[in-house]
Every structure is written in structure tokens, then in C-alpha cells.
């Protein structure tokens, strides 16, 4: 199985591709929302 990053294959070996801050922020917000829903 190969991963695609920005439309290009990535072999899943270090170093990992750079993630834009927006992607990190959106992912973090989704996990925080999931945690809130599960614990309230």
C-alpha cells in the first residue's frame, strides 16, 4: 500500500512530508470535538 501526499507517492519512510498549519489545526479541532462528544 502506498500513501499519496500532494498527489505524489510517499514510501512512509522518514522524514514525513510537511503538513500545512491549516491541516494540523483542522485535524486537531476534529479530534477535540470527538473527545468532547465522547466525554460529555
PDB file of N, CA and C in Angstrom:
ATOM      1  N   UNK A   1       0.852  -1.181   0.000  1.00  0.00           N
ATOM      2  CA  UNK A   1       0.000   0.000   0.000  1.00  0.00           C
ATOM      3  C   UNK A   1       0.891   1.235   0.000  1.00  0.00           C
ATOM      4  N   UNK A   2       0.595   2.168  -0.885  1.00  0.00           N
ATOM      5  CA  UNK A   2       1.357   3.412  -0.921  1.00  0.00           C
ATOM      6  C   UNK A   2       0.467   4.565  -0.520  1.00  0.00           C
ATOM      7  N   UNK A   3       1.065   5.535   0.108  1.00  0.00           N
ATOM      8  CA  UNK A   3       0.348   6.736   0.520  1.00  0.00           C
ATOM      9  C   UNK A   3       0.588   7.827  -0.511  1.00  0.00           C
ATOM     10  N   UNK A   4      -0.388   8.682  -0.663  1.00  0.00           N
ATOM     11  CA  UNK A   4      -0.271   9.816  -1.569  1.00  0.00           C
ATOM     12  C   UNK A   4      -0.225  11.097  -0.747  1.00  0.00           C
ATOM     13  N   UNK A   5       0.730  11.937  -1.028  1.00  0.00           N
ATOM     14  CA  UNK A   5       0.837  13.242  -0.381  1.00  0.00           C
ATOM     15  C   UNK A   5       0.993  14.264  -1.488  1.00  0.00           C
ATOM     16  N   UNK A   6       0.058  15.201  -1.539  1.00  0.00           N
ATOM     17  CA  UNK A   6       0.054  16.220  -2.592  1.00  0.00           C
ATOM     18  C   UNK A   6       0.103  15.575  -3.978  1.00  0.00           C
ATOM     19  N   UNK A   7      -0.595  14.436  -4.109  1.00  0.00           N
ATOM     20  CA  UNK A   7      -0.679  13.771  -5.392  1.00  0.00           C
ATOM     21  C   UNK A   7       0.542  12.958  -5.777  1.00  0.00           C
ATOM     22  N   UNK A   8       1.536  12.897  -4.889  1.00  0.00           N
ATOM     23  CA  UNK A   8       2.754  12.151  -5.183  1.00  0.00           C
ATOM     24  C   UNK A   8       2.885  10.995  -4.202  1.00  0.00           C
ATOM     25  N   UNK A   9       3.443   9.870  -4.646  1.00  0.00           N
ATOM     26  CA  UNK A   9       3.598   8.738  -3.730  1.00  0.00           C
ATOM     27  C   UNK A   9       4.614   9.034  -2.632  1.00  0.00           C
ATOM     28  N   UNK A  10       4.348   8.506  -1.436  1.00  0.00           N
ATOM     29  CA  UNK A  10       5.273   8.616  -0.307  1.00  0.00           C
ATOM     30  C   UNK A  10       5.472   7.220   0.243  1.00  0.00           C
ATOM     31  N   UNK A  11       6.690   6.799   0.421  1.00  0.00           N
ATOM     32  CA  UNK A  11       7.005   5.427   0.824  1.00  0.00           C
ATOM     33  C   UNK A  11       6.853   5.173   2.318  1.00  0.00           C
ATOM     34  N   UNK A  12       6.373   6.146   3.071  1.00  0.00           N
ATOM     35  CA  UNK A  12       6.159   6.034   4.517  1.00  0.00           C
ATOM     36  C   UNK A  12       7.463   5.860   5.290  1.00  0.00           C
ATOM     37  N   UNK A  13       8.547   6.344   4.717  1.00  0.00           N
ATOM     38  CA  UNK A  13       9.815   6.327   5.428  1.00  0.00           C
ATOM     39  C   UNK A  13      10.189   7.760   5.788  1.00  0.00           C
ATOM     40  N   UNK A  14      10.884   7.947   6.918  1.00  0.00           N
ATOM     41  CA  UNK A  14      11.261   9.295   7.348  1.00  0.00           C
ATOM     42  C   UNK A  14      12.131   9.979   6.308  1.00  0.00           C
ATOM     43  N   UNK A  15      12.083  11.264   6.238  1.00  0.00           N
ATOM     44  CA  UNK A  15      11.211  12.153   7.010  1.00  0.00           C
ATOM     45  C   UNK A  15       9.812  12.214   6.406  1.00  0.00           C
ATOM     46  N   UNK A  16       8.846  12.463   7.260  1.00  0.00           N
ATOM     47  CA  UNK A  16       7.463  12.608   6.802  1.00  0.00           C
ATOM     48  C   UNK A  16       7.313  13.918   6.032  1.00  0.00           C
ATOM     49  N   UNK A  17       6.352  13.977   5.119  1.00  0.00           N
ATOM     50  CA  UNK A  17       6.118  15.222   4.386  1.00  0.00           C
ATOM     51  C   UNK A  17       5.630  16.322   5.322  1.00  0.00           C
ATOM     52  N   UNK A  18       5.883  17.555   4.949  1.00  0.00           N
ATOM     53  CA  UNK A  18       5.430  18.716   5.714  1.00  0.00           C
ATOM     54  C   UNK A  18       3.911  18.830   5.625  1.00  0.00           C
ATOM     55  N   UNK A  19       3.267  19.099   6.761  1.00  0.00           N
ATOM     56  CA  UNK A  19       1.827  19.343   6.777  1.00  0.00           C
ATOM     57  C   UNK A  19       1.581  20.825   6.994  1.00  0.00           C
ATOM     58  N   UNK A  20       0.720  21.425   6.198  1.00  0.00           N
ATOM     59  CA  UNK A  20       0.391  22.832   6.401  1.00  0.00           C
ATOM     60  C   UNK A  20      -0.269  23.041   7.764  1.00  0.00           C
ATOM     61  N   UNK A  21      -0.042  24.204   8.361  1.00  0.00           N
ATOM     62  CA  UNK A  21      -0.630  24.527   9.670  1.00  0.00           C
ATOM     63  C   UNK A  21      -2.145  24.379   9.659  1.00  0.00           C
ATOM     64  N   UNK A  22      -2.778  24.736   8.554  1.00  0.00           N
ATOM     65  CA  UNK A  22      -4.235  24.644   8.452  1.00  0.00           C
ATOM     66  C   UNK A  22      -4.703  23.193   8.594  1.00  0.00           C
ATOM     67  N   UNK A  23      -3.995  22.268   7.989  1.00  0.00           N
ATOM     68  CA  UNK A  23      -4.350  20.850   8.089  1.00  0.00           C
ATOM     69  C   UNK A  23      -4.197  20.381   9.531  1.00  0.00           C
ATOM     70  N   UNK A  24      -3.117  20.771  10.174  1.00  0.00           N
ATOM     71  CA  UNK A  24      -2.883  20.393  11.571  1.00  0.00           C
ATOM     72  C   UNK A  24      -3.982  20.963  12.462  1.00  0.00           C
ATOM     73  N   UNK A  25      -4.327  22.224  12.267  1.00  0.00           N
ATOM     74  CA  UNK A  25      -5.353  22.872  13.089  1.00  0.00           C
ATOM     75  C   UNK A  25      -6.716  22.216  12.891  1.00  0.00           C
ATOM     76  N   UNK A  26      -7.088  21.921  11.657  1.00  0.00           N
ATOM     77  CA  UNK A  26      -8.387  21.302  11.387  1.00  0.00           C
ATOM     78  C   UNK A  26      -8.457  19.890  11.957  1.00  0.00           C
ATOM     79  N   UNK A  27      -7.384  19.145  11.840  1.00  0.00           N
ATOM     80  CA  UNK A  27      -7.358  17.789  12.393  1.00  0.00           C
ATOM     81  C   UNK A  27      -7.454  17.829  13.906  1.00  0.00           C
ATOM     82  N   UNK A  28      -6.715  18.732  14.518  1.00  0.00           N
ATOM     83  CA  UNK A  28      -6.758  18.882  15.971  1.00  0.00           C
ATOM     84  C   UNK A  28      -8.162  19.240  16.445  1.00  0.00           C
ATOM     85  N   UNK A  29      -8.827  20.139  15.736  1.00  0.00           N
ATOM     86  CA  UNK A  29     -10.182  20.544  16.112  1.00  0.00           C
ATOM     87  C   UNK A  29     -11.154  19.368  16.018  1.00  0.00           C
ATOM     88  N   UNK A  30     -11.006  18.541  15.002  1.00  0.00           N
ATOM     89  CA  UNK A  30     -11.890  17.379  14.858  1.00  0.00           C
ATOM     90  C   UNK A  30     -11.690  16.384  15.994  1.00  0.00           C
ATOM     91  N   UNK A  31     -10.436  16.146  16.375  1.00  0.00           N
ATOM     92  CA  UNK A  31     -10.176  15.226  17.487  1.00  0.00           C
ATOM     93  C   UNK A  31     -10.683  15.807  18.801  1.00  0.00           C
ATOM     94  N   UNK A  32     -10.544  17.122  18.983  1.00  0.00           N
ATOM     95  CA  UNK A  32     -11.047  17.758  20.202  1.00  0.00           C
ATOM     96  C   UNK A  32     -12.568  17.641  20.268  1.00  0.00           C
ATOM     97  N   UNK A  33     -13.242  17.842  19.141  1.00  0.00           N
ATOM     98  CA  UNK A  33     -14.695  17.703  19.100  1.00  0.00           C
ATOM     99  C   UNK A  33     -15.114  16.268  19.422  1.00  0.00           C
ATOM    100  N   UNK A  34     -14.408  15.304  18.871  1.00  0.00           N
ATOM    101  CA  UNK A  34     -14.717  13.896  19.153  1.00  0.00           C
ATOM    102  C   UNK A  34     -14.535  13.594  20.633  1.00  0.00           C
ATOM    103  N   UNK A  35     -13.461  14.083  21.228  1.00  0.00           N
ATOM    104  CA  UNK A  35     -13.221  13.864  22.653  1.00  0.00           C
ATOM    105  C   UNK A  35     -14.334  14.480  23.493  1.00  0.00           C
ATOM    106  N   UNK A  36     -14.743  15.686  23.146  1.00  0.00           N
ATOM    107  CA  UNK A  36     -15.818  16.357  23.877  1.00  0.00           C
ATOM    108  C   UNK A  36     -17.112  15.559  23.780  1.00  0.00           C
ATOM    109  N   UNK A  37     -17.440  15.091  22.596  1.00  0.00           N
ATOM    110  CA  UNK A  37     -18.677  14.310  22.420  1.00  0.00           C
ATOM    111  C   UNK A  37     -18.641  13.000  23.197  1.00  0.00           C
ATOM    112  N   UNK A  38     -17.481  12.395  23.276  1.00  0.00           N
ATOM    113  CA  UNK A  38     -17.364  11.111  23.961  1.00  0.00           C
ATOM    114  C   UNK A  38     -17.325  11.239  25.482  1.00  0.00           C
ATOM    115  N   UNK A  39     -16.938  12.383  25.976  1.00  0.00           N
ATOM    116  CA  UNK A  39     -16.746  12.527  27.424  1.00  0.00           C
ATOM    117  C   UNK A  39     -17.767  13.435  28.095  1.00  0.00           C
ATOM    118  N   UNK A  40     -18.750  13.921  27.359  1.00  0.00           N
ATOM    119  CA  UNK A  40     -19.780  14.765  27.992  1.00  0.00           C
ATOM    120  C   UNK A  40     -21.141  14.111  27.892  1.00  0.00           C
TER     121      UNK A  40
END
